[in-house]
Amino acid sequence: MTPTTQTSYVTITEDNFQEEVIQNPQPVLVDFWAAWCGPCQAMNPTIQELALEFKGELLVGKINVDEQPTLAAQFGIQSIPTLLIFKNGTVVDTVIGAVPKKVIVNAVNAVVTST
């Protein structure tokens, strides 16, 4: 099986945060990560899978904390990976650290099914 190079998530920056996250009618899962972060790299395939599995129900975005320190500070990100789930522009759940996919799926399902 060849690895996929298709990105199924949106890269979020200060420039598009308002449009992609705050104003988005869909729930949004935001992954705060960094290239040097081993657990972040370990979680990346899971984040990609979730983006594909929940396509149409959930937007998945990634914020590189080194490139977007203002956004990381705005949400008080102190350890990565940190996943924030937004609904109607508000953080409704947080998942911190490298966790099993099921933990994230359960958090996402709670938000997606309540829309």
PDB file of N, CA and C in Angstrom:
ATOM      1  N   MET A   1       0.847  -1.181   0.000  1.00  0.00           N
ATOM      2  CA  MET A   1       0.000   0.000   0.000  1.00  0.00           C
ATOM      3  C   MET A   1       0.892   1.244   0.000  1.00  0.00           C
ATOM      4  N   THR A   2       0.672   2.137  -0.929  1.00  0.00           N
ATOM      5  CA  THR A   2       1.497   3.342  -0.994  1.00  0.00           C
ATOM      6  C   THR A   2       0.900   4.430  -0.104  1.00  0.00           C
ATOM      7  N   PRO A   3       1.769   5.174   0.565  1.00  0.00           N
ATOM      8  CA  PRO A   3       1.251   6.234   1.435  1.00  0.00           C
ATOM      9  C   PRO A   3       0.570   7.325   0.616  1.00  0.00           C
ATOM     10  N   THR A   4      -0.477   7.862   1.162  1.00  0.00           N
ATOM     11  CA  THR A   4      -1.211   8.908   0.453  1.00  0.00           C
ATOM     12  C   THR A   4      -0.582  10.268   0.726  1.00  0.00           C
ATOM     13  N   THR A   5      -0.482  11.071  -0.309  1.00  0.00           N
ATOM     14  CA  THR A   5       0.046  12.419  -0.132  1.00  0.00           C
ATOM     15  C   THR A   5      -1.093  13.430  -0.105  1.00  0.00           C
ATOM     16  N   GLN A   6      -2.297  12.952  -0.299  1.00  0.00           N
ATOM     17  CA  GLN A   6      -3.458  13.832  -0.291  1.00  0.00           C
ATOM     18  C   GLN A   6      -3.682  14.354   1.131  1.00  0.00           C
ATOM     19  N   THR A   7      -3.806  15.661   1.252  1.00  0.00           N
ATOM     20  CA  THR A   7      -4.117  16.198   2.564  1.00  0.00           C
ATOM     21  C   THR A   7      -5.627  16.332   2.671  1.00  0.00           C
ATOM     22  N   SER A   8      -6.142  15.861   3.767  1.00  0.00           N
ATOM     23  CA  SER A   8      -7.579  15.852   3.964  1.00  0.00           C
ATOM     24  C   SER A   8      -7.987  16.892   4.997  1.00  0.00           C
ATOM     25  N   TYR A   9      -7.034  17.719   5.382  1.00  0.00           N
ATOM     26  CA  TYR A   9      -7.301  18.733   6.384  1.00  0.00           C
ATOM     27  C   TYR A   9      -6.922  20.105   5.832  1.00  0.00           C
ATOM     28  N   VAL A  10      -7.291  21.135   6.556  1.00  0.00           N
ATOM     29  CA  VAL A  10      -7.000  22.505   6.172  1.00  0.00           C
ATOM     30  C   VAL A  10      -5.885  23.030   7.070  1.00  0.00           C
ATOM     31  N   THR A  11      -4.916  23.715   6.488  1.00  0.00           N
ATOM     32  CA  THR A  11      -3.901  24.385   7.287  1.00  0.00           C
ATOM     33  C   THR A  11      -4.485  25.712   7.742  1.00  0.00           C
ATOM     34  N   ILE A  12      -4.537  25.900   9.046  1.00  0.00           N
ATOM     35  CA  ILE A  12      -5.171  27.088   9.602  1.00  0.00           C
ATOM     36  C   ILE A  12      -4.103  28.076  10.064  1.00  0.00           C
ATOM     37  N   THR A  13      -4.311  29.328   9.687  1.00  0.00           N
ATOM     38  CA  THR A  13      -3.409  30.414  10.056  1.00  0.00           C
ATOM     39  C   THR A  13      -4.247  31.547  10.655  1.00  0.00           C
ATOM     40  N   GLU A  14      -3.569  32.573  11.136  1.00  0.00           N
ATOM     41  CA  GLU A  14      -4.300  33.733  11.640  1.00  0.00           C
ATOM     42  C   GLU A  14      -5.176  34.324  10.544  1.00  0.00           C
ATOM     43  N   ASP A  15      -4.716  34.252   9.300  1.00  0.00           N
ATOM     44  CA  ASP A  15      -5.451  34.850   8.185  1.00  0.00           C
ATOM     45  C   ASP A  15      -6.778  34.158   7.897  1.00  0.00           C
ATOM     46  N   ASN A  16      -6.835  32.830   8.051  1.00  0.00           N
ATOM     47  CA  ASN A  16      -8.079  32.124   7.704  1.00  0.00           C
ATOM     48  C   ASN A  16      -8.813  31.559   8.921  1.00  0.00           C
ATOM     49  N   PHE A  17      -8.310  31.789  10.136  1.00  0.00           N
ATOM     50  CA  PHE A  17      -8.913  31.211  11.340  1.00  0.00           C
ATOM     51  C   PHE A  17     -10.378  31.622  11.499  1.00  0.00           C
ATOM     52  N   GLN A  18     -10.658  32.893  11.338  1.00  0.00           N
ATOM     53  CA  GLN A  18     -12.026  33.397  11.520  1.00  0.00           C
ATOM     54  C   GLN A  18     -12.996  32.682  10.577  1.00  0.00           C
ATOM     55  N   GLU A  19     -12.605  32.598   9.305  1.00  0.00           N
ATOM     56  CA  GLU A  19     -13.472  31.987   8.287  1.00  0.00           C
ATOM     57  C   GLU A  19     -13.586  30.469   8.456  1.00  0.00           C
ATOM     58  N   GLU A  20     -12.442  29.796   8.638  1.00  0.00           N
ATOM     59  CA  GLU A  20     -12.434  28.329   8.672  1.00  0.00           C
ATOM     60  C   GLU A  20     -12.975  27.749   9.989  1.00  0.00           C
ATOM     61  N   VAL A  21     -12.765  28.458  11.102  1.00  0.00           N
ATOM     62  CA  VAL A  21     -13.124  27.902  12.405  1.00  0.00           C
ATOM     63  C   VAL A  21     -14.316  28.619  13.031  1.00  0.00           C
ATOM     64  N   ILE A  22     -14.188  29.916  13.239  1.00  0.00           N
ATOM     65  CA  ILE A  22     -15.209  30.664  13.976  1.00  0.00           C
ATOM     66  C   ILE A  22     -16.524  30.755  13.205  1.00  0.00           C
ATOM     67  N   GLN A  23     -16.458  31.047  11.913  1.00  0.00           N
ATOM     68  CA  GLN A  23     -17.673  31.234  11.121  1.00  0.00           C
ATOM     69  C   GLN A  23     -18.158  29.955  10.446  1.00  0.00           C
ATOM     70  N   ASN A  24     -17.464  28.860  10.643  1.00  0.00           N
ATOM     71  CA  ASN A  24     -17.821  27.608   9.966  1.00  0.00           C
ATOM     72  C   ASN A  24     -19.100  27.030  10.565  1.00  0.00           C
ATOM     73  N   PRO A  25     -20.092  26.718   9.726  1.00  0.00           N
ATOM     74  CA  PRO A  25     -21.327  26.119  10.249  1.00  0.00           C
ATOM     75  C   PRO A  25     -21.137  24.675  10.730  1.00  0.00           C
ATOM     76  N   GLN A  26     -20.072  24.023  10.255  1.00  0.00           N
ATOM     77  CA  GLN A  26     -19.759  22.659  10.688  1.00  0.00           C
ATOM     78  C   GLN A  26     -18.911  22.702  11.955  1.00  0.00           C
ATOM     79  N   PRO A  27     -18.955  21.638  12.765  1.00  0.00           N
ATOM     80  CA  PRO A  27     -17.968  21.529  13.842  1.00  0.00           C
ATOM     81  C   PRO A  27     -16.567  21.457  13.228  1.00  0.00           C
ATOM     82  N   VAL A  28     -15.571  21.911  13.992  1.00  0.00           N
ATOM     83  CA  VAL A  28     -14.194  21.941  13.505  1.00  0.00           C
ATOM     84  C   VAL A  28     -13.280  21.319  14.553  1.00  0.00           C
ATOM     85  N   LEU A  29     -12.456  20.366  14.114  1.00  0.00           N
ATOM     86  CA  LEU A  29     -11.417  19.780  14.962  1.00  0.00           C
ATOM     87  C   LEU A  29     -10.109  20.453  14.582  1.00  0.00           C
ATOM     88  N   VAL A  30      -9.471  21.120  15.543  1.00  0.00           N
ATOM     89  CA  VAL A  30      -8.218  21.816  15.281  1.00  0.00           C
ATOM     90  C   VAL A  30      -7.096  21.104  16.027  1.00  0.00           C
ATOM     91  N   ASP A  31      -6.081  20.706  15.279  1.00  0.00           N
ATOM     92  CA  ASP A  31      -4.910  20.018  15.823  1.00  0.00           C
ATOM     93  C   ASP A  31      -3.775  21.029  15.942  1.00  0.00           C
ATOM     94  N   PHE A  32      -3.387  21.365  17.180  1.00  0.00           N
ATOM     95  CA  PHE A  32      -2.222  22.207  17.423  1.00  0.00           C
ATOM     96  C   PHE A  32      -1.013  21.278  17.494  1.00  0.00           C
ATOM     97  N   TRP A  33      -0.017  21.519  16.643  1.00  0.00           N
ATOM     98  CA  TRP A  33       1.105  20.600  16.508  1.00  0.00           C
ATOM     99  C   TRP A  33       2.382  21.360  16.158  1.00  0.00           C
ATOM    100  N   ALA A  34       3.501  20.647  16.095  1.00  0.00           N
ATOM    101  CA  ALA A  34       4.774  21.201  15.620  1.00  0.00           C
ATOM    102  C   ALA A  34       5.568  20.087  14.941  1.00  0.00           C
ATOM    103  N   ALA A  35       6.403  20.473  13.992  1.00  0.00           N
ATOM    104  CA  ALA A  35       7.174  19.498  13.215  1.00  0.00           C
ATOM    105  C   ALA A  35       8.138  18.701  14.092  1.00  0.00           C
ATOM    106  N   TRP A  36       8.664  19.300  15.157  1.00  0.00           N
ATOM    107  CA  TRP A  36       9.647  18.644  16.016  1.00  0.00           C
ATOM    108  C   TRP A  36       9.000  17.753  17.080  1.00  0.00           C
ATOM    109  N   CYS A  37       7.686  17.742  17.152  1.00  0.00           N
ATOM    110  CA  CYS A  37       6.949  17.029  18.204  1.00  0.00           C
ATOM    111  C   CYS A  37       6.680  15.578  17.799  1.00  0.00           C
ATOM    112  N   GLY A  38       7.375  14.636  18.446  1.00  0.00           N
ATOM    113  CA  GLY A  38       7.194  13.209  18.136  1.00  0.00           C
ATOM    114  C   GLY A  38       5.762  12.728  18.294  1.00  0.00           C
ATOM    115  N   PRO A  39       5.107  13.012  19.425  1.00  0.00           N
ATOM    116  CA  PRO A  39       3.706  12.584  19.575  1.00  0.00           C
ATOM    117  C   PRO A  39       2.786  13.202  18.518  1.00  0.00           C
ATOM    118  N   CYS A  40       3.095  14.428  18.091  1.00  0.00           N
ATOM    119  CA  CYS A  40       2.295  15.064  17.031  1.00  0.00           C
ATOM    120  C   CYS A  40       2.421  14.272  15.730  1.00  0.00           C
ATOM    121  N   GLN A  41       3.662  13.885  15.412  1.00  0.00           N
ATOM    122  CA  GLN A  41       3.896  13.103  14.194  1.00  0.00           C
ATOM    123  C   GLN A  41       3.203  11.750  14.286  1.00  0.00           C
ATOM    124  N   ALA A  42       3.207  11.161  15.486  1.00  0.00           N
ATOM    125  CA  ALA A  42       2.548   9.868  15.686  1.00  0.00           C
ATOM    126  C   ALA A  42       1.035   9.984  15.503  1.00  0.00           C
ATOM    127  N   MET A  43       0.477  11.133  15.857  1.00  0.00           N
ATOM    128  CA  MET A  43      -0.969  11.344  15.750  1.00  0.00           C
ATOM    129  C   MET A  43      -1.413  11.727  14.342  1.00  0.00           C
ATOM    130  N   ASN A  44      -0.489  12.176  13.510  1.00  0.00           N
ATOM    131  CA  ASN A  44      -0.852  12.685  12.196  1.00  0.00           C
ATOM    132  C   ASN A  44      -1.663  11.702  11.340  1.00  0.00           C
ATOM    133  N   PRO A  45      -1.285  10.427  11.259  1.00  0.00           N
ATOM    134  CA  PRO A  45      -2.111   9.502  10.468  1.00  0.00           C
ATOM    135  C   PRO A  45      -3.550   9.397  11.001  1.00  0.00           C
ATOM    136  N   THR A  46      -3.702   9.433  12.315  1.00  0.00           N
ATOM    137  CA  THR A  46      -5.035   9.372  12.909  1.00  0.00           C
ATOM    138  C   THR A  46      -5.838  10.615  12.542  1.00  0.00           C
ATOM    139  N   ILE A  47      -5.207  11.774  12.588  1.00  0.00           N
ATOM    140  CA  ILE A  47      -5.886  13.025  12.233  1.00  0.00           C
ATOM    141  C   ILE A  47      -6.332  12.979  10.772  1.00  0.00           C
ATOM    142  N   GLN A  48      -5.460  12.460   9.906  1.00  0.00           N
ATOM    143  CA  GLN A  48      -5.801  12.321   8.476  1.00  0.00           C
ATOM    144  C   GLN A  48      -7.005  11.387   8.302  1.00  0.00           C
ATOM    145  N   GLU A  49      -6.995  10.252   9.021  1.00  0.00           N
ATOM    146  CA  GLU A  49      -8.111   9.300   8.934  1.00  0.00           C
ATOM    147  C   GLU A  49      -9.414   9.946   9.373  1.00  0.00           C
ATOM    148  N   LEU A  50      -9.368  10.690  10.469  1.00  0.00           N
ATOM    149  CA  LEU A  50     -10.573  11.346  10.969  1.00  0.00           C
ATOM    150  C   LEU A  50     -11.104  12.355   9.956  1.00  0.00           C
ATOM    151  N   ALA A  51     -10.203  13.084   9.310  1.00  0.00           N
ATOM    152  CA  ALA A  51     -10.615  14.070   8.312  1.00  0.00           C
ATOM    153  C   ALA A  51     -11.386  13.396   7.176  1.00  0.00           C
ATOM    154  N   LEU A  52     -10.933  12.222   6.778  1.00  0.00           N
ATOM    155  CA  LEU A  52     -11.616  11.488   5.708  1.00  0.00           C
ATOM    156  C   LEU A  52     -12.917  10.858   6.200  1.00  0.00           C
ATOM    157  N   GLU A  53     -12.884  10.267   7.392  1.00  0.00           N
ATOM    158  CA  GLU A  53     -14.056   9.577   7.918  1.00  0.00           C
ATOM    159  C   GLU A  53     -15.210  10.535   8.213  1.00  0.00           C
ATOM    160  N   PHE A  54     -14.890  11.749   8.635  1.00  0.00           N
ATOM    161  CA  PHE A  54     -15.929  12.708   9.008  1.00  0.00           C
ATOM    162  C   PHE A  54     -16.132  13.792   7.952  1.00  0.00           C
ATOM    163  N   LYS A  55     -15.609  13.555   6.749  1.00  0.00           N
ATOM    164  CA  LYS A  55     -15.740  14.536   5.670  1.00  0.00           C
ATOM    165  C   LYS A  55     -17.214  14.854   5.441  1.00  0.00           C
ATOM    166  N   GLY A  56     -17.520  16.134   5.380  1.00  0.00           N
ATOM    167  CA  GLY A  56     -18.902  16.558   5.197  1.00  0.00           C
ATOM    168  C   GLY A  56     -19.623  16.821   6.513  1.00  0.00           C
ATOM    169  N   GLU A  57     -19.094  16.268   7.608  1.00  0.00           N
ATOM    170  CA  GLU A  57     -19.706  16.472   8.925  1.00  0.00           C
ATOM    171  C   GLU A  57     -18.837  17.329   9.823  1.00  0.00           C
ATOM    172  N   LEU A  58     -17.527  17.334   9.533  1.00  0.00           N
ATOM    173  CA  LEU A  58     -16.540  17.955  10.411  1.00  0.00           C
ATOM    174  C   LEU A  58     -15.384  18.458   9.563  1.00  0.00           C
ATOM    175  N   LEU A  59     -14.936  19.673   9.825  1.00  0.00           N
ATOM    176  CA  LEU A  59     -13.720  20.170   9.181  1.00  0.00           C
ATOM    177  C   LEU A  59     -12.559  19.875  10.110  1.00  0.00           C
ATOM    178  N   VAL A  60     -11.480  19.347   9.564  1.00  0.00           N
ATOM    179  CA  VAL A  60     -10.275  19.103  10.350  1.00  0.00           C
ATOM    180  C   VAL A  60      -9.219  20.094   9.891  1.00  0.00           C
ATOM    181  N   GLY A  61      -8.671  20.823  10.863  1.00  0.00           N
ATOM    182  CA  GLY A  61      -7.641  21.809  10.567  1.00  0.00           C
ATOM    183  C   GLY A  61      -6.423  21.590  11.439  1.00  0.00           C
ATOM    184  N   LYS A  62      -5.273  22.021  10.942  1.00  0.00           N
ATOM    185  CA  LYS A  62      -4.021  21.885  11.691  1.00  0.00           C
ATOM    186  C   LYS A  62      -3.395  23.258  11.835  1.00  0.00           C
ATOM    187  N   ILE A  63      -2.928  23.548  13.053  1.00  0.00           N
ATOM    188  CA  ILE A  63      -2.230  24.799  13.323  1.00  0.00           C
ATOM    189  C   ILE A  63      -0.836  24.458  13.835  1.00  0.00           C
ATOM    190  N   ASN A  64       0.180  24.881  13.082  1.00  0.00           N
ATOM    191  CA  ASN A  64       1.562  24.696  13.497  1.00  0.00           C
ATOM    192  C   ASN A  64       1.873  25.778  14.526  1.00  0.00           C
ATOM    193  N   VAL A  65       2.123  25.378  15.777  1.00  0.00           N
ATOM    194  CA  VAL A  65       2.321  26.353  16.856  1.00  0.00           C
ATOM    195  C   VAL A  65       3.570  27.204  16.656  1.00  0.00           C
ATOM    196  N   ASP A  66       4.562  26.689  15.938  1.00  0.00           N
ATOM    197  CA  ASP A  66       5.769  27.474  15.669  1.00  0.00           C
ATOM    198  C   ASP A  66       5.494  28.575  14.649  1.00  0.00           C
ATOM    199  N   GLU A  67       4.611  28.297  13.706  1.00  0.00           N
ATOM    200  CA  GLU A  67       4.286  29.269  12.660  1.00  0.00           C
ATOM    201  C   GLU A  67       3.146  30.198  13.077  1.00  0.00           C
ATOM    202  N   GLN A  68       2.322  29.755  14.037  1.00  0.00           N
ATOM    203  CA  GLN A  68       1.151  30.533  14.465  1.00  0.00           C
ATOM    204  C   GLN A  68       1.138  30.691  15.997  1.00  0.00           C
ATOM    205  N   PRO A  69       2.180  31.304  16.566  1.00  0.00           N
ATOM    206  CA  PRO A  69       2.248  31.399  18.030  1.00  0.00           C
ATOM    207  C   PRO A  69       1.117  32.218  18.646  1.00  0.00           C
ATOM    208  N   THR A  70       0.581  33.182  17.914  1.00  0.00           N
ATOM    209  CA  THR A  70      -0.510  33.997  18.448  1.00  0.00           C
ATOM    210  C   THR A  70      -1.754  33.153  18.677  1.00  0.00           C
ATOM    211  N   LEU A  71      -2.074  32.273  17.720  1.00  0.00           N
ATOM    212  CA  LEU A  71      -3.242  31.396  17.883  1.00  0.00           C
ATOM    213  C   LEU A  71      -3.016  30.419  19.035  1.00  0.00           C
ATOM    214  N   ALA A  72      -1.809  29.882  19.132  1.00  0.00           N
ATOM    215  CA  ALA A  72      -1.507  28.952  20.226  1.00  0.00           C
ATOM    216  C   ALA A  72      -1.675  29.664  21.567  1.00  0.00           C
ATOM    217  N   ALA A  73      -1.192  30.884  21.666  1.00  0.00           N
ATOM    218  CA  ALA A  73      -1.314  31.650  22.914  1.00  0.00           C
ATOM    219  C   ALA A  73      -2.770  32.008  23.201  1.00  0.00           C
ATOM    220  N   GLN A  74      -3.508  32.345  22.156  1.00  0.00           N
ATOM    221  CA  GLN A  74      -4.918  32.727  22.312  1.00  0.00           C
ATOM    222  C   GLN A  74      -5.731  31.617  22.976  1.00  0.00           C
ATOM    223  N   PHE A  75      -5.370  30.369  22.690  1.00  0.00           N
ATOM    224  CA  PHE A  75      -6.115  29.236  23.249  1.00  0.00           C
ATOM    225  C   PHE A  75      -5.363  28.551  24.389  1.00  0.00           C
ATOM    226  N   GLY A  76      -4.307  29.188  24.867  1.00  0.00           N
ATOM    227  CA  GLY A  76      -3.592  28.680  26.034  1.00  0.00           C
ATOM    228  C   GLY A  76      -2.960  27.322  25.831  1.00  0.00           C
ATOM    229  N   ILE A  77      -2.480  27.066  24.617  1.00  0.00           N
ATOM    230  CA  ILE A  77      -1.873  25.770  24.313  1.00  0.00           C
ATOM    231  C   ILE A  77      -0.536  25.670  25.049  1.00  0.00           C
ATOM    232  N   GLN A  78      -0.437  24.713  25.958  1.00  0.00           N
ATOM    233  CA  GLN A  78       0.786  24.550  26.740  1.00  0.00           C
ATOM    234  C   GLN A  78       1.518  23.254  26.428  1.00  0.00           C
ATOM    235  N   SER A  79       0.789  22.281  25.877  1.00  0.00           N
ATOM    236  CA  SER A  79       1.451  21.051  25.453  1.00  0.00           C
ATOM    237  C   SER A  79       0.815  20.600  24.149  1.00  0.00           C
ATOM    238  N   ILE A  80       1.623  19.951  23.344  1.00  0.00           N
ATOM    239  CA  ILE A  80       1.121  19.477  22.057  1.00  0.00           C
ATOM    240  C   ILE A  80       1.410  17.989  21.942  1.00  0.00           C
ATOM    241  N   PRO A  81       0.604  17.255  21.199  1.00  0.00           N
ATOM    242  CA  PRO A  81      -0.547  17.750  20.457  1.00  0.00           C
ATOM    243  C   PRO A  81      -1.729  18.087  21.384  1.00  0.00           C
ATOM    244  N   THR A  82      -2.428  19.143  21.023  1.00  0.00           N
ATOM    245  CA  THR A  82      -3.692  19.485  21.660  1.00  0.00           C
ATOM    246  C   THR A  82      -4.730  19.604  20.557  1.00  0.00           C
ATOM    247  N   LEU A  83      -5.841  18.934  20.737  1.00  0.00           N
ATOM    248  CA  LEU A  83      -6.949  19.002  19.792  1.00  0.00           C
ATOM    249  C   LEU A  83      -8.082  19.780  20.444  1.00  0.00           C
ATOM    250  N   LEU A  84      -8.564  20.804  19.756  1.00  0.00           N
ATOM    251  CA  LEU A  84      -9.723  21.549  20.217  1.00  0.00           C
ATOM    252  C   LEU A  84     -10.861  21.289  19.249  1.00  0.00           C
ATOM    253  N   ILE A  85     -12.041  21.042  19.776  1.00  0.00           N
ATOM    254  CA  ILE A  85     -13.217  20.853  18.940  1.00  0.00           C
ATOM    255  C   ILE A  85     -14.101  22.086  19.120  1.00  0.00           C
ATOM    256  N   PHE A  86     -14.361  22.749  18.001  1.00  0.00           N
ATOM    257  CA  PHE A  86     -15.181  23.953  17.993  1.00  0.00           C
ATOM    258  C   PHE A  86     -16.565  23.631  17.440  1.00  0.00           C
ATOM    259  N   LYS A  87     -17.571  24.263  18.008  1.00  0.00           N
ATOM    260  CA  LYS A  87     -18.921  24.197  17.464  1.00  0.00           C
ATOM    261  C   LYS A  87     -19.504  25.598  17.579  1.00  0.00           C
ATOM    262  N   ASN A  88     -19.987  26.112  16.473  1.00  0.00           N
ATOM    263  CA  ASN A  88     -20.514  27.476  16.423  1.00  0.00           C
ATOM    264  C   ASN A  88     -19.491  28.489  16.939  1.00  0.00           C
ATOM    265  N   GLY A  89     -18.215  28.269  16.608  1.00  0.00           N
ATOM    266  CA  GLY A  89     -17.170  29.216  16.952  1.00  0.00           C
ATOM    267  C   GLY A  89     -16.658  29.138  18.379  1.00  0.00           C
ATOM    268  N   THR A  90     -17.141  28.160  19.148  1.00  0.00           N
ATOM    269  CA  THR A  90     -16.764  28.028  20.552  1.00  0.00           C
ATOM    270  C   THR A  90     -16.108  26.675  20.792  1.00  0.00           C
ATOM    271  N   VAL A  91     -15.078  26.651  21.636  1.00  0.00           N
ATOM    272  CA  VAL A  91     -14.436  25.383  21.998  1.00  0.00           C
ATOM    273  C   VAL A  91     -15.406  24.599  22.882  1.00  0.00           C
ATOM    274  N   VAL A  92     -15.749  23.370  22.440  1.00  0.00           N
ATOM    275  CA  VAL A  92     -16.675  22.542  23.214  1.00  0.00           C
ATOM    276  C   VAL A  92     -15.999  21.308  23.804  1.00  0.00           C
ATOM    277  N   ASP A  93     -14.784  20.988  23.333  1.00  0.00           N
ATOM    278  CA  ASP A  93     -14.058  19.854  23.900  1.00  0.00           C
ATOM    279  C   ASP A  93     -12.582  20.007  23.593  1.00  0.00           C
ATOM    280  N   THR A  94     -11.768  19.388  24.439  1.00  0.00           N
ATOM    281  CA  THR A  94     -10.314  19.432  24.307  1.00  0.00           C
ATOM    282  C   THR A  94      -9.755  18.039  24.537  1.00  0.00           C
ATOM    283  N   VAL A  95      -8.821  17.622  23.688  1.00  0.00           N
ATOM    284  CA  VAL A  95      -8.114  16.359  23.866  1.00  0.00           C
ATOM    285  C   VAL A  95      -6.627  16.698  23.833  1.00  0.00           C
ATOM    286  N   ILE A  96      -5.914  16.343  24.899  1.00  0.00           N
ATOM    287  CA  ILE A  96      -4.492  16.682  24.993  1.00  0.00           C
ATOM    288  C   ILE A  96      -3.652  15.414  24.975  1.00  0.00           C
ATOM    289  N   GLY A  97      -2.582  15.446  24.165  1.00  0.00           N
ATOM    290  CA  GLY A  97      -1.641  14.348  24.120  1.00  0.00           C
ATOM    291  C   GLY A  97      -1.948  13.344  23.025  1.00  0.00           C
ATOM    292  N   ALA A  98      -1.038  12.379  22.900  1.00  0.00           N
ATOM    293  CA  ALA A  98      -1.214  11.300  21.934  1.00  0.00           C
ATOM    294  C   ALA A  98      -2.153  10.278  22.567  1.00  0.00           C
ATOM    295  N   VAL A  99      -3.361  10.231  22.063  1.00  0.00           N
ATOM    296  CA  VAL A  99      -4.391   9.359  22.626  1.00  0.00           C
ATOM    297  C   VAL A  99      -4.859   8.373  21.569  1.00  0.00           C
ATOM    298  N   PRO A 100      -5.502   7.283  21.991  1.00  0.00           N
ATOM    299  CA  PRO A 100      -6.058   6.353  21.005  1.00  0.00           C
ATOM    300  C   PRO A 100      -7.120   7.041  20.145  1.00  0.00           C
ATOM    301  N   LYS A 101      -7.219   6.595  18.912  1.00  0.00           N
ATOM    302  CA  LYS A 101      -8.179   7.172  17.968  1.00  0.00           C
ATOM    303  C   LYS A 101      -9.592   7.172  18.549  1.00  0.00           C
ATOM    304  N   LYS A 102      -9.950   6.122  19.281  1.00  0.00           N
ATOM    305  CA  LYS A 102     -11.301   5.994  19.829  1.00  0.00           C
ATOM    306  C   LYS A 102     -11.654   7.180  20.737  1.00  0.00           C
ATOM    307  N   VAL A 103     -10.680   7.695  21.479  1.00  0.00           N
ATOM    308  CA  VAL A 103     -10.921   8.841  22.365  1.00  0.00           C
ATOM    309  C   VAL A 103     -11.357  10.055  21.539  1.00  0.00           C
ATOM    310  N   ILE A 104     -10.670  10.282  20.429  1.00  0.00           N
ATOM    311  CA  ILE A 104     -10.995  11.422  19.570  1.00  0.00           C
ATOM    312  C   ILE A 104     -12.328  11.191  18.868  1.00  0.00           C
ATOM    313  N   VAL A 105     -12.544   9.973  18.363  1.00  0.00           N
ATOM    314  CA  VAL A 105     -13.802   9.644  17.703  1.00  0.00           C
ATOM    315  C   VAL A 105     -14.983   9.880  18.635  1.00  0.00           C
ATOM    316  N   ASN A 106     -14.855   9.448  19.882  1.00  0.00           N
ATOM    317  CA  ASN A 106     -15.941   9.652  20.848  1.00  0.00           C
ATOM    318  C   ASN A 106     -16.217  11.138  21.067  1.00  0.00           C
ATOM    319  N   ALA A 107     -15.155  11.938  21.185  1.00  0.00           N
ATOM    320  CA  ALA A 107     -15.311  13.380  21.376  1.00  0.00           C
ATOM    321  C   ALA A 107     -15.970  14.014  20.145  1.00  0.00           C
ATOM    322  N   VAL A 108     -15.528  13.614  18.955  1.00  0.00           N
ATOM    323  CA  VAL A 108     -16.084  14.157  17.726  1.00  0.00           C
ATOM    324  C   VAL A 108     -17.541  13.734  17.561  1.00  0.00           C
ATOM    325  N   ASN A 109     -17.825  12.458  17.815  1.00  0.00           N
ATOM    326  CA  ASN A 109     -19.206  11.985  17.676  1.00  0.00           C
ATOM    327  C   ASN A 109     -20.158  12.732  18.596  1.00  0.00           C
ATOM    328  N   ALA A 110     -19.712  13.057  19.797  1.00  0.00           N
ATOM    329  CA  ALA A 110     -20.558  13.786  20.745  1.00  0.00           C
ATOM    330  C   ALA A 110     -20.954  15.150  20.181  1.00  0.00           C
ATOM    331  N   VAL A 111     -20.044  15.762  19.440  1.00  0.00           N
ATOM    332  CA  VAL A 111     -20.315  17.078  18.869  1.00  0.00           C
ATOM    333  C   VAL A 111     -21.089  16.976  17.545  1.00  0.00           C
ATOM    334  N   VAL A 112     -20.669  16.036  16.695  1.00  0.00           N
ATOM    335  CA  VAL A 112     -21.294  15.891  15.379  1.00  0.00           C
ATOM    336  C   VAL A 112     -22.758  15.446  15.518  1.00  0.00           C
ATOM    337  N   THR A 113     -23.013  14.525  16.406  1.00  0.00           N
ATOM    338  CA  THR A 113     -24.378  14.005  16.539  1.00  0.00           C
ATOM    339  C   THR A 113     -25.302  14.995  17.238  1.00  0.00           C
ATOM    340  N   SER A 114     -24.727  16.003  17.898  1.00  0.00           N
ATOM    341  CA  SER A 114     -25.577  16.973  18.582  1.00  0.00           C
ATOM    342  C   SER A 114     -25.872  18.198  17.704  1.00  0.00           C
ATOM    343  N   THR A 115     -25.412  18.155  16.433  1.00  0.00           N
ATOM    344  CA  THR A 115     -25.692  19.307  15.545  1.00  0.00           C
ATOM    345  C   THR A 115     -27.074  19.257  15.007  1.00  0.00           C
TER     346      THR A 115
END
